Amino acid sequence: MKNIYLIGLMGTGKTAVGQLLAQKLGLDFVDLDDVIEQKEGTSISLIFQQKGEPYFRKVEKEAVREISQKSDLVVGCGGGAVINQENLDHLKKTGTVICLEARPEVILNRTKEARHRPLLNVEDPEKKIEELLSQRAPFYAQAHFTIDTSRLSVEEVAQRIIDLLEKNSEKVS
């Protein structure tokens, strides 16, 4: 089976949905940020602080290339992994890309307690969320499917993905 890649901004449910989806489908779940942290031996926040976003994006690109060579995975991608068109192209060639989205206020509510979100450690996090959504919209729009998770439970999102995959299995390339 080709991989299933979950993309979208932080707080849209990629990890929670990905873990449940993998369990339901009998696949392994991989969080791309966890892969990066393991390779680098430190947290994403510290990578951003100590080495900067450009360095992080370089490491992220290597991780995308490595993961996309495997199969039978559900992969939760970091929110910015697809802002590199080459990364997005790799994902689309090796699996089904599903964008999870949510309204900015929902994302803020879901992420407000998380101190490990380096891009939201700013004075006005909701404004930053809106900016990120706007900047990344052209990339997120290239997903095979998009699901708004704002009013859905993790279970409902996972089931919608399963239904989409079953209904469109011959159409996804």
Protein backbone atom coordinates (compact mmCIF):
# COMPACT_ATOMS: atom_id res chain seq x y z
CA MET A 1 0.00 0.00 0.00
CA LYS A 2 1.18 3.51 -0.76
CA ASN A 3 1.75 5.82 2.17
CA ILE A 4 -0.93 8.13 3.52
CA TYR A 5 0.46 11.58 4.26
CA LEU A 6 -1.39 13.98 6.52
CA ILE A 7 -0.48 17.61 5.95
CA GLY A 8 -1.82 20.85 7.35
CA LEU A 9 -1.05 23.43 9.97
CA MET A 10 -0.26 22.44 13.54
CA GLY A 11 -3.36 21.79 15.59
CA THR A 12 -5.42 20.33 12.75
CA GLY A 13 -5.15 16.80 14.15
CA LYS A 14 -2.42 15.20 12.06
CA THR A 15 -0.89 13.21 14.92
CA ALA A 16 -4.07 12.14 16.72
CA VAL A 17 -5.87 11.28 13.48
CA GLY A 18 -2.76 9.64 12.03
CA GLN A 19 -2.30 7.36 15.02
CA LEU A 20 -5.93 6.24 14.97
CA LEU A 21 -5.97 5.87 11.19
CA ALA A 22 -2.84 3.72 11.27
CA GLN A 23 -4.36 1.54 13.98
CA LYS A 24 -7.60 1.08 12.01
CA LEU A 25 -5.72 0.24 8.80
CA GLY A 26 -3.10 -1.99 10.44
CA LEU A 27 -0.26 0.31 9.36
CA ASP A 28 2.58 1.99 11.23
CA PHE A 29 2.30 5.67 12.14
CA VAL A 30 5.31 7.93 11.71
CA ASP A 31 5.46 11.53 12.87
CA LEU A 32 7.93 13.35 10.63
CA ASP A 33 8.88 15.75 13.44
CA ASP A 34 9.72 12.77 15.67
CA VAL A 35 11.97 11.38 12.92
CA ILE A 36 13.78 14.74 12.75
CA GLU A 37 14.14 14.99 16.52
CA GLN A 38 15.56 11.48 16.66
CA LYS A 39 18.06 12.19 13.87
CA GLU A 40 19.13 15.50 15.39
CA GLY A 41 19.07 14.32 19.00
CA THR A 42 17.13 17.40 20.10
CA SER A 43 13.69 18.99 19.95
CA ILE A 44 12.25 20.92 17.02
CA SER A 45 12.09 24.01 19.24
CA LEU A 46 15.81 23.81 20.01
CA ILE A 47 16.67 23.20 16.36
CA PHE A 48 14.77 26.40 15.46
CA GLN A 49 16.43 28.32 18.32
CA GLN A 50 19.98 27.09 17.84
CA LYS A 51 20.25 26.50 14.11
CA GLY A 52 17.34 28.41 12.59
CA GLU A 53 14.44 27.58 10.31
CA PRO A 54 16.55 27.18 7.12
CA TYR A 55 18.61 24.43 8.77
CA PHE A 56 15.44 22.75 10.05
CA ARG A 57 13.88 22.82 6.56
CA LYS A 58 17.02 21.17 5.13
CA VAL A 59 16.83 18.35 7.68
CA GLU A 60 13.09 18.08 7.10
CA LYS A 61 13.67 17.69 3.35
CA GLU A 62 16.06 14.78 3.99
CA ALA A 63 13.50 13.16 6.31
CA VAL A 64 10.74 13.51 3.69
CA ARG A 65 12.94 11.88 1.07
CA GLU A 66 13.80 9.02 3.45
CA ILE A 67 10.21 8.38 4.57
CA SER A 68 8.84 8.59 1.02
CA GLN A 69 11.02 5.61 0.05
CA LYS A 70 9.08 3.39 2.47
CA SER A 71 5.53 2.10 2.12
CA ASP A 72 2.58 1.03 4.27
CA LEU A 73 2.87 4.07 6.52
CA VAL A 74 0.58 6.77 7.80
CA VAL A 75 2.79 9.84 8.10
CA GLY A 76 1.99 13.00 10.05
CA CYS A 77 3.99 15.71 8.31
CA GLY A 78 5.11 18.90 9.99
CA GLY A 79 2.93 21.86 9.06
CA GLY A 80 5.61 23.41 6.87
CA ALA A 81 6.97 20.25 5.26
CA VAL A 82 5.06 20.93 2.06
CA ILE A 83 6.16 24.54 1.59
CA ASN A 84 9.02 23.01 -0.36
CA GLN A 85 7.50 21.97 -3.69
CA GLU A 86 10.03 19.14 -4.05
CA ASN A 87 8.83 17.67 -0.73
CA LEU A 88 5.22 17.93 -1.82
CA ASP A 89 5.99 16.29 -5.15
CA HIS A 90 7.75 13.39 -3.35
CA LEU A 91 4.72 12.87 -1.13
CA LYS A 92 2.24 13.00 -4.00
CA LYS A 93 4.27 10.46 -6.02
CA THR A 94 4.58 7.97 -3.18
CA GLY A 95 1.20 8.17 -1.52
CA THR A 96 -2.09 9.89 -0.92
CA VAL A 97 -1.80 13.39 0.50
CA ILE A 98 -4.64 14.50 2.75
CA CYS A 99 -4.74 18.05 4.06
CA LEU A 100 -6.36 18.50 7.45
CA GLU A 101 -7.52 22.05 8.01
CA ALA A 102 -9.32 23.96 10.75
CA ARG A 103 -10.43 27.50 11.40
CA PRO A 104 -7.73 29.75 12.97
CA GLU A 105 -9.57 30.07 16.29
CA VAL A 106 -9.88 26.27 16.52
CA ILE A 107 -6.16 25.85 15.80
CA LEU A 108 -5.33 28.46 18.45
CA ASN A 109 -7.53 26.71 21.00
CA ARG A 110 -5.95 23.34 20.24
CA THR A 111 -2.37 24.65 20.43
CA LYS A 112 -2.56 27.28 23.19
CA GLU A 113 -1.08 25.01 25.86
CA ALA A 114 1.71 23.70 23.63
CA ARG A 115 4.99 25.45 24.39
CA HIS A 116 6.87 23.34 21.83
CA ARG A 117 5.42 25.20 18.82
CA PRO A 118 8.25 27.55 17.82
CA LEU A 119 6.24 29.38 15.17
CA LEU A 120 3.51 30.29 17.68
CA ASN A 121 5.78 31.66 20.39
CA VAL A 122 4.82 35.18 19.34
CA GLU A 123 2.79 38.06 20.78
CA ASP A 124 -0.31 37.44 18.61
CA PRO A 125 -0.48 33.70 17.85
CA GLU A 126 -3.89 33.88 16.12
CA LYS A 127 -2.56 36.45 13.67
CA LYS A 128 0.47 34.20 13.08
CA ILE A 129 -1.86 31.25 12.41
CA GLU A 130 -3.77 33.32 9.84
CA GLU A 131 -0.49 34.37 8.18
CA LEU A 132 0.78 30.78 8.03
CA LEU A 133 -2.51 29.54 6.60
CA SER A 134 -2.42 32.24 3.95
CA GLN A 135 1.23 31.59 3.01
CA ARG A 136 0.80 27.83 2.88
CA ALA A 137 -2.63 27.73 1.18
CA PRO A 138 -1.21 27.19 -2.35
CA PHE A 139 0.74 24.16 -1.10
CA TYR A 140 -2.05 22.70 1.04
CA ALA A 141 -4.42 23.09 -1.95
CA GLN A 142 -2.34 20.55 -3.89
CA ALA A 143 -3.36 17.70 -1.58
CA HIS A 144 -5.39 14.89 -3.09
CA PHE A 145 -8.11 15.50 -0.47
CA THR A 146 -8.91 18.11 2.18
CA ILE A 147 -10.91 17.62 5.37
CA ASP A 148 -11.96 20.42 7.71
CA THR A 149 -11.46 19.04 11.23
CA SER A 150 -12.90 22.09 13.03
CA ARG A 151 -16.12 20.36 14.12
CA LEU A 152 -15.13 16.71 13.82
CA SER A 153 -13.81 14.24 16.37
CA VAL A 154 -10.58 12.34 15.74
CA GLU A 155 -12.69 9.23 15.11
CA GLU A 156 -14.87 11.04 12.54
CA VAL A 157 -11.85 12.39 10.65
CA ALA A 158 -10.18 8.97 10.56
CA GLN A 159 -13.38 7.39 9.25
CA ARG A 160 -13.76 10.07 6.56
CA ILE A 161 -10.23 9.35 5.40
CA ILE A 162 -10.94 5.62 5.24
CA ASP A 163 -14.13 6.30 3.27
CA LEU A 164 -12.25 8.61 0.87
CA LEU A 165 -9.51 6.05 0.32
CA GLU A 166 -11.97 3.24 -0.35
CA LYS A 167 -14.11 5.37 -2.68
CA ASN A 168 -11.15 6.77 -4.63
CA SER A 169 -8.62 3.95 -4.50
CA GLU A 170 -8.36 3.64 -8.27
CA LYS A 171 -8.29 7.41 -8.81
CA VAL A 172 -5.33 8.28 -6.55
CA SER A 173 -2.04 8.25 -8.42
